[in-house]
C-alpha atoms as a PDB file:
ATOM      1  CA  MET A   1       0.000   0.000   0.000  1.00  0.00           C
ATOM      2  CA  SER A   2       1.379   3.425  -0.907  1.00  0.00           C
ATOM      3  CA  LYS A   3       1.869   6.207   1.572  1.00  0.00           C
ATOM      4  CA  SER A   4      -0.395   9.187   1.033  1.00  0.00           C
ATOM      5  CA  LYS A   5       1.114  12.628   0.834  1.00  0.00           C
ATOM      6  CA  THR A   6      -0.235  15.077   3.409  1.00  0.00           C
ATOM      7  CA  LEU A   7      -0.705  18.597   2.139  1.00  0.00           C
ATOM      8  CA  LYS A   8      -0.036  21.455   4.510  1.00  0.00           C
ATOM      9  CA  PHE A   9      -1.279  24.973   3.915  1.00  0.00           C
ATOM     10  CA  GLU A  10      -0.285  28.135   5.730  1.00  0.00           C
ATOM     11  CA  THR A  11      -3.683  29.768   5.319  1.00  0.00           C
ATOM     12  CA  LEU A  12      -7.238  28.824   4.493  1.00  0.00           C
ATOM     13  CA  ALA A  13      -6.964  30.995   1.384  1.00  0.00           C
ATOM     14  CA  GLU A  14      -4.063  28.843   0.116  1.00  0.00           C
ATOM     15  CA  GLU A  15      -6.056  25.680   0.739  1.00  0.00           C
ATOM     16  CA  ASN A  16      -9.124  27.075  -1.033  1.00  0.00           C
ATOM     17  CA  ALA A  17      -6.994  28.195  -3.979  1.00  0.00           C
ATOM     18  CA  TYR A  18      -5.467  24.714  -4.280  1.00  0.00           C
ATOM     19  CA  TYR A  19      -8.788  22.855  -4.218  1.00  0.00           C
ATOM     20  CA  ASN A  20     -10.470  25.346  -6.573  1.00  0.00           C
ATOM     21  CA  GLU A  21      -7.610  25.227  -9.089  1.00  0.00           C
ATOM     22  CA  PRO A  22      -8.856  23.903 -12.444  1.00  0.00           C
ATOM     23  CA  VAL A  23      -7.522  20.503 -13.489  1.00  0.00           C
ATOM     24  CA  THR A  24      -8.168  18.563 -16.679  1.00  0.00           C
ATOM     25  CA  VAL A  25     -10.073  15.280 -16.449  1.00  0.00           C
ATOM     26  CA  ARG A  26     -11.480  12.858 -18.994  1.00  0.00           C
ATOM     27  CA  LEU A  27     -13.990  10.310 -17.765  1.00  0.00           C
ATOM     28  CA  PHE A  28     -14.222   6.945 -19.516  1.00  0.00           C
ATOM     29  CA  LYS A  29     -17.184   6.553 -21.862  1.00  0.00           C
ATOM     30  CA  ASP A  30     -18.663   3.525 -23.590  1.00  0.00           C
ATOM     31  CA  ASN A  31     -22.079   2.669 -25.006  1.00  0.00           C
ATOM     32  CA  ASP A  32     -23.137   0.540 -22.060  1.00  0.00           C
ATOM     33  CA  ARG A  33     -22.705   1.224 -18.368  1.00  0.00           C
ATOM     34  CA  TYR A  34     -20.479   4.290 -18.654  1.00  0.00           C
ATOM     35  CA  LYS A  35     -22.403   6.440 -21.115  1.00  0.00           C
ATOM     36  CA  ASP A  36     -24.116   9.020 -18.899  1.00  0.00           C
ATOM     37  CA  ASP A  37     -22.574  12.182 -17.511  1.00  0.00           C
ATOM     38  CA  VAL A  38     -21.458  12.057 -13.864  1.00  0.00           C
ATOM     39  CA  PHE A  39     -22.984  14.128 -11.077  1.00  0.00           C
ATOM     40  CA  VAL A  40     -20.479  14.923  -8.338  1.00  0.00           C
ATOM     41  CA  ALA A  41     -21.009  17.023  -5.218  1.00  0.00           C
ATOM     42  CA  VAL A  42     -18.573  18.465  -2.708  1.00  0.00           C
ATOM     43  CA  ASN A  43     -19.922  20.016   0.494  1.00  0.00           C
ATOM     44  CA  GLY A  44     -23.411  20.236  -0.946  1.00  0.00           C
ATOM     45  CA  VAL A  45     -22.407  21.958  -4.187  1.00  0.00           C
ATOM     46  CA  GLY A  46     -22.814  19.774  -7.237  1.00  0.00           C
ATOM     47  CA  MET A  47     -21.796  19.770 -10.856  1.00  0.00           C
ATOM     48  CA  ILE A  48     -22.254  17.485 -13.835  1.00  0.00           C
ATOM     49  CA  VAL A  49     -19.113  16.238 -15.566  1.00  0.00           C
ATOM     50  CA  PRO A  50     -19.516  14.967 -19.142  1.00  0.00           C
ATOM     51  CA  ARG A  51     -17.982  11.652 -20.155  1.00  0.00           C
ATOM     52  CA  GLY A  52     -15.698  11.123 -23.127  1.00  0.00           C
ATOM     53  CA  VAL A  53     -14.302  14.655 -23.422  1.00  0.00           C
ATOM     54  CA  GLU A  54     -11.530  16.523 -21.650  1.00  0.00           C
ATOM     55  CA  VAL A  55     -12.907  19.173 -19.323  1.00  0.00           C
ATOM     56  CA  LYS A  56     -11.416  21.474 -16.723  1.00  0.00           C
ATOM     57  CA  ILE A  57     -13.047  21.227 -13.323  1.00  0.00           C
ATOM     58  CA  PRO A  58     -11.994  22.401  -9.852  1.00  0.00           C
ATOM     59  CA  ARG A  59      -9.548  19.990  -8.218  1.00  0.00           C
ATOM     60  CA  LYS A  60     -11.966  19.281  -5.345  1.00  0.00           C
ATOM     61  CA  TYR A  61     -14.427  17.649  -7.779  1.00  0.00           C
ATOM     62  CA  ALA A  62     -11.664  15.692  -9.514  1.00  0.00           C
ATOM     63  CA  GLU A  63     -10.527  14.404  -6.104  1.00  0.00           C
ATOM     64  CA  ALA A  64     -14.088  13.364  -5.231  1.00  0.00           C
ATOM     65  CA  ILE A  65     -14.357  11.427  -8.503  1.00  0.00           C
ATOM     66  CA  LYS A  66     -10.968   9.775  -7.933  1.00  0.00           C
ATOM     67  CA  ASN A  67     -11.916   8.789  -4.373  1.00  0.00           C
ATOM     68  CA  SER A  68     -15.207   7.355  -5.627  1.00  0.00           C
ATOM     69  CA  GLU A  69     -13.369   5.235  -8.218  1.00  0.00           C
ATOM     70  CA  ILE A  70     -11.012   3.935  -5.518  1.00  0.00           C
ATOM     71  CA  GLN A  71     -13.972   3.002  -3.299  1.00  0.00           C
ATOM     72  CA  ASP A  72     -15.673   1.264  -6.256  1.00  0.00           C
ATOM     73  CA  GLY A  73     -12.513  -0.835  -6.681  1.00  0.00           C
ATOM     74  CA  PHE A  74     -12.471  -1.801  -3.004  1.00  0.00           C
ATOM     75  CA  CYS A  75     -16.161  -2.713  -3.209  1.00  0.00           C
ATOM     76  CA  ALA A  76     -15.619  -4.885  -6.294  1.00  0.00           C
ATOM     77  CA  ASP A  77     -12.705  -6.679  -4.614  1.00  0.00           C
ATOM     78  CA  TYR A  78     -14.765  -7.268  -1.473  1.00  0.00           C
ATOM     79  CA  GLN A  79     -17.732  -8.605  -3.434  1.00  0.00           C
ATOM     80  CA  SER A  80     -15.410 -10.894  -5.362  1.00  0.00           C
ATOM     81  CA  SER A  81     -13.857 -12.226  -2.155  1.00  0.00           C
ATOM     82  CA  LEU A  82     -17.306 -12.898  -0.688  1.00  0.00           C
ATOM     83  CA  SER A  83     -18.359 -14.695  -3.855  1.00  0.00           C
ATOM     84  CA  SER A  84     -15.183 -16.801  -3.860  1.00  0.00           C
ATOM     85  CA  ALA A  85     -15.603 -17.669  -0.179  1.00  0.00           C
ATOM     86  CA  SER A  86     -19.218 -18.657  -0.770  1.00  0.00           C
ATOM     87  CA  LYS A  87     -18.280 -20.891  -3.713  1.00  0.00           C
ATOM     88  CA  SER A  88     -15.470 -22.505  -1.714  1.00  0.00           C
ATOM     89  CA  LYS A  89     -17.861 -23.205   1.144  1.00  0.00           C
ATOM     90  CA  GLU A  90     -20.432 -24.744  -1.224  1.00  0.00           C
ATOM     91  CA  LEU A  91     -17.789 -27.009  -2.777  1.00  0.00           C
ATOM     92  CA  SER A  92     -16.538 -28.204   0.596  1.00  0.00           C
ATOM     93  CA  GLU A  93     -19.994 -29.212   1.812  1.00  0.00           C
END
């Protein structure tokens, strides 16, 4: 597991500037499950991010999307482990 880098800011203004800085993102798009635009909210303020095109959005929204993707990966791994354990148990009975 990688170590996460802790950001330190001298002032709240510096922190706000960092998280509001525009960054470029491109969300995966296909014609099946990943075809719709993505709604993302941070502290009650939401925005819709289109899929399949590069867009500039504030870093705080990009971070929320990245964290969501990481959590989706953990969830998929957990579901897979539960499914494998269940199949192993069925085979041993």
